[in-house]
Amino acid sequence: MVLKKGDEDAGAVLIVLTDRSGGTGVLREDGNGWSRVDATNPADVNAYLERQKKYDPDLWIIELEMRDVSQPIERTLGSRRLDLDEEA
């Protein structure tokens, strides 16, 4: 689900991960793929998202519900850079 729609041509993308047991996490683009943000409880996640919204008004925030947020989904996601995806 899209939690915040940003600019179509600019802005970072954050992925909020949630699971049915209440687990949370955030992934951010790191230039070559995705990395986890050090925010694992809902209060820390919300605080991080609010800071990022102030810093980048073009920010996209997408939420994914998964079975277990501790699983390394960031290893399976592609990037927005076509040249990186083609090398994989």
PDB file of N, CA and C in Angstrom:
ATOM      1  N   MET A   1       0.849  -1.152   0.000  1.00  0.00           N
ATOM      2  CA  MET A   1       0.000   0.000   0.000  1.00  0.00           C
ATOM      3  C   MET A   1       0.905   1.229   0.000  1.00  0.00           C
ATOM      4  N   VAL A   2       0.504   2.251  -0.742  1.00  0.00           N
ATOM      5  CA  VAL A   2       1.245   3.508  -0.760  1.00  0.00           C
ATOM      6  C   VAL A   2       0.774   4.360   0.409  1.00  0.00           C
ATOM      7  N   LEU A   3       1.673   4.656   1.335  1.00  0.00           N
ATOM      8  CA  LEU A   3       1.344   5.471   2.495  1.00  0.00           C
ATOM      9  C   LEU A   3       1.550   6.955   2.210  1.00  0.00           C
ATOM     10  N   LYS A   4       2.512   7.260   1.333  1.00  0.00           N
ATOM     11  CA  LYS A   4       2.766   8.648   0.935  1.00  0.00           C
ATOM     12  C   LYS A   4       3.251   8.649  -0.498  1.00  0.00           C
ATOM     13  N   LYS A   5       2.529   9.368  -1.330  1.00  0.00           N
ATOM     14  CA  LYS A   5       2.905   9.469  -2.737  1.00  0.00           C
ATOM     15  C   LYS A   5       3.804  10.678  -2.913  1.00  0.00           C
ATOM     16  N   GLY A   6       4.962  10.455  -3.463  1.00  0.00           N
ATOM     17  CA  GLY A   6       5.917  11.528  -3.697  1.00  0.00           C
ATOM     18  C   GLY A   6       5.913  11.955  -5.148  1.00  0.00           C
ATOM     19  N   ASP A   7       6.926  12.696  -5.522  1.00  0.00           N
ATOM     20  CA  ASP A   7       7.087  13.152  -6.888  1.00  0.00           C
ATOM     21  C   ASP A   7       7.439  11.967  -7.780  1.00  0.00           C
ATOM     22  N   GLU A   8       6.861  11.939  -8.978  1.00  0.00           N
ATOM     23  CA  GLU A   8       7.092  10.799  -9.873  1.00  0.00           C
ATOM     24  C   GLU A   8       8.517  10.720 -10.396  1.00  0.00           C
ATOM     25  N   ASP A   9       9.232  11.851 -10.421  1.00  0.00           N
ATOM     26  CA  ASP A   9      10.585  11.870 -10.972  1.00  0.00           C
ATOM     27  C   ASP A   9      11.673  12.054  -9.920  1.00  0.00           C
ATOM     28  N   ALA A  10      11.283  12.380  -8.719  1.00  0.00           N
ATOM     29  CA  ALA A  10      12.285  12.663  -7.687  1.00  0.00           C
ATOM     30  C   ALA A  10      11.826  12.065  -6.363  1.00  0.00           C
ATOM     31  N   GLY A  11      12.675  12.175  -5.395  1.00  0.00           N
ATOM     32  CA  GLY A  11      12.312  11.704  -4.059  1.00  0.00           C
ATOM     33  C   GLY A  11      12.778  10.296  -3.789  1.00  0.00           C
ATOM     34  N   ALA A  12      13.169  10.087  -2.572  1.00  0.00           N
ATOM     35  CA  ALA A  12      13.600   8.767  -2.133  1.00  0.00           C
ATOM     36  C   ALA A  12      12.385   7.861  -1.947  1.00  0.00           C
ATOM     37  N   VAL A  13      12.661   6.569  -1.825  1.00  0.00           N
ATOM     38  CA  VAL A  13      11.610   5.583  -1.561  1.00  0.00           C
ATOM     39  C   VAL A  13      11.965   4.854  -0.268  1.00  0.00           C
ATOM     40  N   LEU A  14      11.007   4.815   0.636  1.00  0.00           N
ATOM     41  CA  LEU A  14      11.145   4.030   1.858  1.00  0.00           C
ATOM     42  C   LEU A  14      10.096   2.932   1.831  1.00  0.00           C
ATOM     43  N   ILE A  15      10.448   1.767   2.311  1.00  0.00           N
ATOM     44  CA  ILE A  15       9.513   0.656   2.407  1.00  0.00           C
ATOM     45  C   ILE A  15       9.346   0.308   3.876  1.00  0.00           C
ATOM     46  N   VAL A  16       8.122   0.426   4.363  1.00  0.00           N
ATOM     47  CA  VAL A  16       7.802   0.061   5.734  1.00  0.00           C
ATOM     48  C   VAL A  16       7.353  -1.399   5.724  1.00  0.00           C
ATOM     49  N   LEU A  17       8.002  -2.207   6.528  1.00  0.00           N
ATOM     50  CA  LEU A  17       7.664  -3.626   6.623  1.00  0.00           C
ATOM     51  C   LEU A  17       6.854  -3.855   7.887  1.00  0.00           C
ATOM     52  N   THR A  18       5.783  -4.608   7.773  1.00  0.00           N
ATOM     53  CA  THR A  18       4.981  -4.979   8.941  1.00  0.00           C
ATOM     54  C   THR A  18       4.668  -6.467   8.861  1.00  0.00           C
ATOM     55  N   ASP A  19       4.437  -7.066  10.024  1.00  0.00           N
ATOM     56  CA  ASP A  19       3.966  -8.445  10.040  1.00  0.00           C
ATOM     57  C   ASP A  19       2.829  -8.576  11.039  1.00  0.00           C
ATOM     58  N   ARG A  20       2.168  -9.697  11.021  1.00  0.00           N
ATOM     59  CA  ARG A  20       0.977  -9.898  11.844  1.00  0.00           C
ATOM     60  C   ARG A  20       1.277  -9.992  13.332  1.00  0.00           C
ATOM     61  N   SER A  21       2.515 -10.229  13.688  1.00  0.00           N
ATOM     62  CA  SER A  21       2.866 -10.304  15.107  1.00  0.00           C
ATOM     63  C   SER A  21       3.258  -8.940  15.675  1.00  0.00           C
ATOM     64  N   GLY A  22       3.146  -7.893  14.864  1.00  0.00           N
ATOM     65  CA  GLY A  22       3.465  -6.543  15.322  1.00  0.00           C
ATOM     66  C   GLY A  22       4.874  -6.090  15.001  1.00  0.00           C
ATOM     67  N   GLY A  23       5.626  -6.922  14.318  1.00  0.00           N
ATOM     68  CA  GLY A  23       6.983  -6.540  13.932  1.00  0.00           C
ATOM     69  C   GLY A  23       6.967  -5.445  12.880  1.00  0.00           C
ATOM     70  N   THR A  24       7.950  -4.565  12.948  1.00  0.00           N
ATOM     71  CA  THR A  24       8.077  -3.488  11.971  1.00  0.00           C
ATOM     72  C   THR A  24       9.532  -3.322  11.571  1.00  0.00           C
ATOM     73  N   GLY A  25       9.727  -2.713  10.441  1.00  0.00           N
ATOM     74  CA  GLY A  25      11.055  -2.397   9.942  1.00  0.00           C
ATOM     75  C   GLY A  25      10.929  -1.405   8.802  1.00  0.00           C
ATOM     76  N   VAL A  26      12.047  -0.829   8.423  1.00  0.00           N
ATOM     77  CA  VAL A  26      12.067   0.126   7.318  1.00  0.00           C
ATOM     78  C   VAL A  26      13.266  -0.186   6.443  1.00  0.00           C
ATOM     79  N   LEU A  27      13.036  -0.175   5.138  1.00  0.00           N
ATOM     80  CA  LEU A  27      14.113  -0.296   4.161  1.00  0.00           C
ATOM     81  C   LEU A  27      14.267   1.035   3.452  1.00  0.00           C
ATOM     82  N   ARG A  28      15.512   1.394   3.151  1.00  0.00           N
ATOM     83  CA  ARG A  28      15.769   2.604   2.370  1.00  0.00           C
ATOM     84  C   ARG A  28      16.730   2.259   1.240  1.00  0.00           C
ATOM     85  N   GLU A  29      16.631   3.017   0.179  1.00  0.00           N
ATOM     86  CA  GLU A  29      17.568   2.839  -0.925  1.00  0.00           C
ATOM     87  C   GLU A  29      18.943   3.322  -0.474  1.00  0.00           C
ATOM     88  N   ASP A  30      19.973   2.562  -0.822  1.00  0.00           N
ATOM     89  CA  ASP A  30      21.322   2.983  -0.433  1.00  0.00           C
ATOM     90  C   ASP A  30      22.235   3.197  -1.629  1.00  0.00           C
ATOM     91  N   GLY A  31      21.666   3.346  -2.803  1.00  0.00           N
ATOM     92  CA  GLY A  31      22.466   3.576  -4.002  1.00  0.00           C
ATOM     93  C   GLY A  31      22.690   2.321  -4.813  1.00  0.00           C
ATOM     94  N   ASN A  32      22.903   1.197  -4.151  1.00  0.00           N
ATOM     95  CA  ASN A  32      23.119  -0.066  -4.850  1.00  0.00           C
ATOM     96  C   ASN A  32      22.049  -1.089  -4.554  1.00  0.00           C
ATOM     97  N   GLY A  33      21.051  -0.712  -3.813  1.00  0.00           N
ATOM     98  CA  GLY A  33      19.995  -1.643  -3.424  1.00  0.00           C
ATOM     99  C   GLY A  33      19.252  -1.091  -2.227  1.00  0.00           C
ATOM    100  N   TRP A  34      19.002  -1.953  -1.256  1.00  0.00           N
ATOM    101  CA  TRP A  34      18.210  -1.591  -0.084  1.00  0.00           C
ATOM    102  C   TRP A  34      18.954  -1.965   1.182  1.00  0.00           C
ATOM    103  N   SER A  35      18.780  -1.158   2.211  1.00  0.00           N
ATOM    104  CA  SER A  35      19.357  -1.481   3.512  1.00  0.00           C
ATOM    105  C   SER A  35      18.330  -1.176   4.594  1.00  0.00           C
ATOM    106  N   ARG A  36      18.489  -1.837   5.716  1.00  0.00           N
ATOM    107  CA  ARG A  36      17.560  -1.654   6.841  1.00  0.00           C
ATOM    108  C   ARG A  36      17.947  -0.447   7.672  1.00  0.00           C
ATOM    109  N   VAL A  37      16.935   0.265   8.092  1.00  0.00           N
ATOM    110  CA  VAL A  37      17.099   1.391   9.009  1.00  0.00           C
ATOM    111  C   VAL A  37      17.048   0.830  10.426  1.00  0.00           C
ATOM    112  N   ASP A  38      17.787   1.423  11.331  1.00  0.00           N
ATOM    113  CA  ASP A  38      17.802   0.955  12.719  1.00  0.00           C
ATOM    114  C   ASP A  38      16.566   1.477  13.456  1.00  0.00           C
ATOM    115  N   ALA A  39      15.418   0.935  13.091  1.00  0.00           N
ATOM    116  CA  ALA A  39      14.135   1.282  13.724  1.00  0.00           C
ATOM    117  C   ALA A  39      13.273   0.032  13.666  1.00  0.00           C
ATOM    118  N   THR A  40      13.040  -0.581  14.828  1.00  0.00           N
ATOM    119  CA  THR A  40      12.323  -1.858  14.827  1.00  0.00           C
ATOM    120  C   THR A  40      11.047  -1.854  15.650  1.00  0.00           C
ATOM    121  N   ASN A  41      10.742  -0.746  16.319  1.00  0.00           N
ATOM    122  CA  ASN A  41       9.459  -0.689  17.021  1.00  0.00           C
ATOM    123  C   ASN A  41       8.626   0.430  16.404  1.00  0.00           C
ATOM    124  N   PRO A  42       7.318   0.357  16.512  1.00  0.00           N
ATOM    125  CA  PRO A  42       6.446   1.329  15.831  1.00  0.00           C
ATOM    126  C   PRO A  42       6.760   2.789  16.152  1.00  0.00           C
ATOM    127  N   ALA A  43       7.115   3.107  17.379  1.00  0.00           N
ATOM    128  CA  ALA A  43       7.419   4.499  17.728  1.00  0.00           C
ATOM    129  C   ALA A  43       8.669   4.991  17.000  1.00  0.00           C
ATOM    130  N   ASP A  44       9.710   4.156  16.949  1.00  0.00           N
ATOM    131  CA  ASP A  44      10.934   4.533  16.245  1.00  0.00           C
ATOM    132  C   ASP A  44      10.696   4.648  14.742  1.00  0.00           C
ATOM    133  N   VAL A  45       9.899   3.737  14.188  1.00  0.00           N
ATOM    134  CA  VAL A  45       9.576   3.786  12.758  1.00  0.00           C
ATOM    135  C   VAL A  45       8.835   5.077  12.438  1.00  0.00           C
ATOM    136  N   ASN A  46       7.816   5.402  13.224  1.00  0.00           N
ATOM    137  CA  ASN A  46       7.051   6.633  12.972  1.00  0.00           C
ATOM    138  C   ASN A  46       7.920   7.875  13.104  1.00  0.00           C
ATOM    139  N   ALA A  47       8.789   7.923  14.099  1.00  0.00           N
ATOM    140  CA  ALA A  47       9.682   9.066  14.283  1.00  0.00           C
ATOM    141  C   ALA A  47      10.623   9.205  13.080  1.00  0.00           C
ATOM    142  N   TYR A  48      11.162   8.080  12.616  1.00  0.00           N
ATOM    143  CA  TYR A  48      12.054   8.102  11.450  1.00  0.00           C
ATOM    144  C   TYR A  48      11.313   8.610  10.219  1.00  0.00           C
ATOM    145  N   LEU A  49      10.100   8.099   9.989  1.00  0.00           N
ATOM    146  CA  LEU A  49       9.328   8.519   8.821  1.00  0.00           C
ATOM    147  C   LEU A  49       9.010  10.014   8.872  1.00  0.00           C
ATOM    148  N   GLU A  50       8.652  10.519  10.034  1.00  0.00           N
ATOM    149  CA  GLU A  50       8.355  11.946  10.173  1.00  0.00           C
ATOM    150  C   GLU A  50       9.581  12.802   9.868  1.00  0.00           C
ATOM    151  N   ARG A  51      10.751  12.385  10.357  1.00  0.00           N
ATOM    152  CA  ARG A  51      11.987  13.122  10.057  1.00  0.00           C
ATOM    153  C   ARG A  51      12.264  13.119   8.562  1.00  0.00           C
ATOM    154  N   GLN A  52      12.077  11.971   7.924  1.00  0.00           N
ATOM    155  CA  GLN A  52      12.358  11.871   6.495  1.00  0.00           C
ATOM    156  C   GLN A  52      11.385  12.701   5.661  1.00  0.00           C
ATOM    157  N   LYS A  53      10.119  12.764   6.070  1.00  0.00           N
ATOM    158  CA  LYS A  53       9.120  13.577   5.363  1.00  0.00           C
ATOM    159  C   LYS A  53       9.503  15.054   5.405  1.00  0.00           C
ATOM    160  N   LYS A  54      10.010  15.510   6.537  1.00  0.00           N
ATOM    161  CA  LYS A  54      10.432  16.913   6.656  1.00  0.00           C
ATOM    162  C   LYS A  54      11.648  17.192   5.777  1.00  0.00           C
ATOM    163  N   TYR A  55      12.551  16.224   5.697  1.00  0.00           N
ATOM    164  CA  TYR A  55      13.782  16.366   4.924  1.00  0.00           C
ATOM    165  C   TYR A  55      13.522  16.284   3.426  1.00  0.00           C
ATOM    166  N   ASP A  56      12.609  15.412   3.005  1.00  0.00           N
ATOM    167  CA  ASP A  56      12.351  15.159   1.585  1.00  0.00           C
ATOM    168  C   ASP A  56      10.856  15.185   1.310  1.00  0.00           C
ATOM    169  N   PRO A  57      10.310  16.331   0.902  1.00  0.00           N
ATOM    170  CA  PRO A  57       8.873  16.401   0.631  1.00  0.00           C
ATOM    171  C   PRO A  57       8.438  15.559  -0.569  1.00  0.00           C
ATOM    172  N   ASP A  58       9.385  15.121  -1.388  1.00  0.00           N
ATOM    173  CA  ASP A  58       9.073  14.282  -2.553  1.00  0.00           C
ATOM    174  C   ASP A  58       9.115  12.796  -2.234  1.00  0.00           C
ATOM    175  N   LEU A  59       9.297  12.451  -0.994  1.00  0.00           N
ATOM    176  CA  LEU A  59       9.461  11.081  -0.521  1.00  0.00           C
ATOM    177  C   LEU A  59       8.249  10.197  -0.822  1.00  0.00           C
ATOM    178  N   TRP A  60       8.530   8.977  -1.241  1.00  0.00           N
ATOM    179  CA  TRP A  60       7.516   7.930  -1.376  1.00  0.00           C
ATOM    180  C   TRP A  60       7.658   6.995  -0.183  1.00  0.00           C
ATOM    181  N   ILE A  61       6.527   6.587   0.410  1.00  0.00           N
ATOM    182  CA  ILE A  61       6.548   5.588   1.483  1.00  0.00           C
ATOM    183  C   ILE A  61       5.564   4.486   1.103  1.00  0.00           C
ATOM    184  N   ILE A  62       6.083   3.282   1.027  1.00  0.00           N
ATOM    185  CA  ILE A  62       5.296   2.110   0.631  1.00  0.00           C
ATOM    186  C   ILE A  62       5.308   1.127   1.793  1.00  0.00           C
ATOM    187  N   GLU A  63       4.171   0.515   2.078  1.00  0.00           N
ATOM    188  CA  GLU A  63       4.092  -0.466   3.154  1.00  0.00           C
ATOM    189  C   GLU A  63       3.889  -1.862   2.570  1.00  0.00           C
ATOM    190  N   LEU A  64       4.660  -2.802   3.080  1.00  0.00           N
ATOM    191  CA  LEU A  64       4.524  -4.208   2.696  1.00  0.00           C
ATOM    192  C   LEU A  64       4.242  -5.031   3.941  1.00  0.00           C
ATOM    193  N   GLU A  65       3.196  -5.846   3.884  1.00  0.00           N
ATOM    194  CA  GLU A  65       2.948  -6.782   4.978  1.00  0.00           C
ATOM    195  C   GLU A  65       3.558  -8.113   4.585  1.00  0.00           C
ATOM    196  N   MET A  66       4.324  -8.675   5.492  1.00  0.00           N
ATOM    197  CA  MET A  66       4.991  -9.942   5.209  1.00  0.00           C
ATOM    198  C   MET A  66       4.847 -10.888   6.390  1.00  0.00           C
ATOM    199  N   ARG A  67       5.215 -12.112   6.184  1.00  0.00           N
ATOM    200  CA  ARG A  67       5.069 -13.118   7.239  1.00  0.00           C
ATOM    201  C   ARG A  67       5.955 -12.799   8.441  1.00  0.00           C
ATOM    202  N   ASP A  68       7.199 -12.380   8.188  1.00  0.00           N
ATOM    203  CA  ASP A  68       8.155 -12.134   9.266  1.00  0.00           C
ATOM    204  C   ASP A  68       9.119 -11.039   8.820  1.00  0.00           C
ATOM    205  N   VAL A  69       9.064  -9.887   9.479  1.00  0.00           N
ATOM    206  CA  VAL A  69       9.904  -8.762   9.047  1.00  0.00           C
ATOM    207  C   VAL A  69      11.393  -9.013   9.265  1.00  0.00           C
ATOM    208  N   SER A  70      11.732 -10.023  10.054  1.00  0.00           N
ATOM    209  CA  SER A  70      13.154 -10.299  10.267  1.00  0.00           C
ATOM    210  C   SER A  70      13.793 -10.995   9.062  1.00  0.00           C
ATOM    211  N   GLN A  71      12.994 -11.480   8.136  1.00  0.00           N
ATOM    212  CA  GLN A  71      13.537 -12.112   6.931  1.00  0.00           C
ATOM    213  C   GLN A  71      14.176 -11.054   6.032  1.00  0.00           C
ATOM    214  N   PRO A  72      15.292 -11.348   5.402  1.00  0.00           N
ATOM    215  CA  PRO A  72      16.040 -10.360   4.616  1.00  0.00           C
ATOM    216  C   PRO A  72      15.451 -10.108   3.218  1.00  0.00           C
ATOM    217  N   ILE A  73      14.286  -9.502   3.162  1.00  0.00           N
ATOM    218  CA  ILE A  73      13.634  -9.232   1.879  1.00  0.00           C
ATOM    219  C   ILE A  73      14.447  -8.251   1.024  1.00  0.00           C
ATOM    220  N   GLU A  74      15.265  -7.421   1.664  1.00  0.00           N
ATOM    221  CA  GLU A  74      16.044  -6.440   0.914  1.00  0.00           C
ATOM    222  C   GLU A  74      16.982  -7.079  -0.098  1.00  0.00           C
ATOM    223  N   ARG A  75      17.328  -8.325   0.114  1.00  0.00           N
ATOM    224  CA  ARG A  75      18.205  -9.033  -0.827  1.00  0.00           C
ATOM    225  C   ARG A  75      17.490  -9.415  -2.119  1.00  0.00           C
ATOM    226  N   THR A  76      16.165  -9.450  -2.094  1.00  0.00           N
ATOM    227  CA  THR A  76      15.415  -9.875  -3.272  1.00  0.00           C
ATOM    228  C   THR A  76      14.801  -8.721  -4.052  1.00  0.00           C
ATOM    229  N   LEU A  77      14.857  -7.509  -3.500  1.00  0.00           N
ATOM    230  CA  LEU A  77      14.274  -6.359  -4.181  1.00  0.00           C
ATOM    231  C   LEU A  77      15.254  -5.792  -5.197  1.00  0.00           C
ATOM    232  N   GLY A  78      14.742  -5.361  -6.313  1.00  0.00           N
ATOM    233  CA  GLY A  78      15.570  -4.695  -7.307  1.00  0.00           C
ATOM    234  C   GLY A  78      15.779  -3.243  -6.925  1.00  0.00           C
ATOM    235  N   SER A  79      16.470  -2.533  -7.768  1.00  0.00           N
ATOM    236  CA  SER A  79      16.692  -1.108  -7.548  1.00  0.00           C
ATOM    237  C   SER A  79      15.933  -0.321  -8.608  1.00  0.00           C
ATOM    238  N   ARG A  80      15.900   1.001  -8.435  1.00  0.00           N
ATOM    239  CA  ARG A  80      15.301   1.850  -9.469  1.00  0.00           C
ATOM    240  C   ARG A  80      16.284   2.117 -10.590  1.00  0.00           C
ATOM    241  N   ARG A  81      17.542   1.715 -10.399  1.00  0.00           N
ATOM    242  CA  ARG A  81      18.557   1.924 -11.423  1.00  0.00           C
ATOM    243  C   ARG A  81      18.599   0.705 -12.331  1.00  0.00           C
ATOM    244  N   LEU A  82      18.254   0.915 -13.583  1.00  0.00           N
ATOM    245  CA  LEU A  82      18.222  -0.193 -14.536  1.00  0.00           C
ATOM    246  C   LEU A  82      19.583  -0.838 -14.711  1.00  0.00           C
ATOM    247  N   ASP A  83      20.646  -0.055 -14.678  1.00  0.00           N
ATOM    248  CA  ASP A  83      21.972  -0.625 -14.881  1.00  0.00           C
ATOM    249  C   ASP A  83      22.338  -1.602 -13.766  1.00  0.00           C
ATOM    250  N   LEU A  84      21.887  -1.379 -12.551  1.00  0.00           N
ATOM    251  CA  LEU A  84      22.159  -2.317 -11.465  1.00  0.00           C
ATOM    252  C   LEU A  84      21.362  -3.593 -11.606  1.00  0.00           C
ATOM    253  N   ASP A  85      20.104  -3.483 -12.016  1.00  0.00           N
ATOM    254  CA  ASP A  85      19.267  -4.664 -12.178  1.00  0.00           C
ATOM    255  C   ASP A  85      19.751  -5.548 -13.325  1.00  0.00           C
ATOM    256  N   GLU A  86      20.277  -4.931 -14.371  1.00  0.00           N
ATOM    257  CA  GLU A  86      20.748  -5.719 -15.516  1.00  0.00           C
ATOM    258  C   GLU A  86      22.009  -6.503 -15.201  1.00  0.00           C
ATOM    259  N   GLU A  87      22.814  -6.018 -14.244  1.00  0.00           N
ATOM    260  CA  GLU A  87      24.032  -6.731 -13.869  1.00  0.00           C
ATOM    261  C   GLU A  87      23.761  -7.980 -13.052  1.00  0.00           C
ATOM    262  N   ALA A  88      22.636  -8.000 -12.347  1.00  0.00           N
ATOM    263  CA  ALA A  88      22.326  -9.108 -11.429  1.00  0.00           C
ATOM    264  C   ALA A  88      22.043 -10.396 -12.145  1.00  0.00           C
TER     265      ALA A  88
END
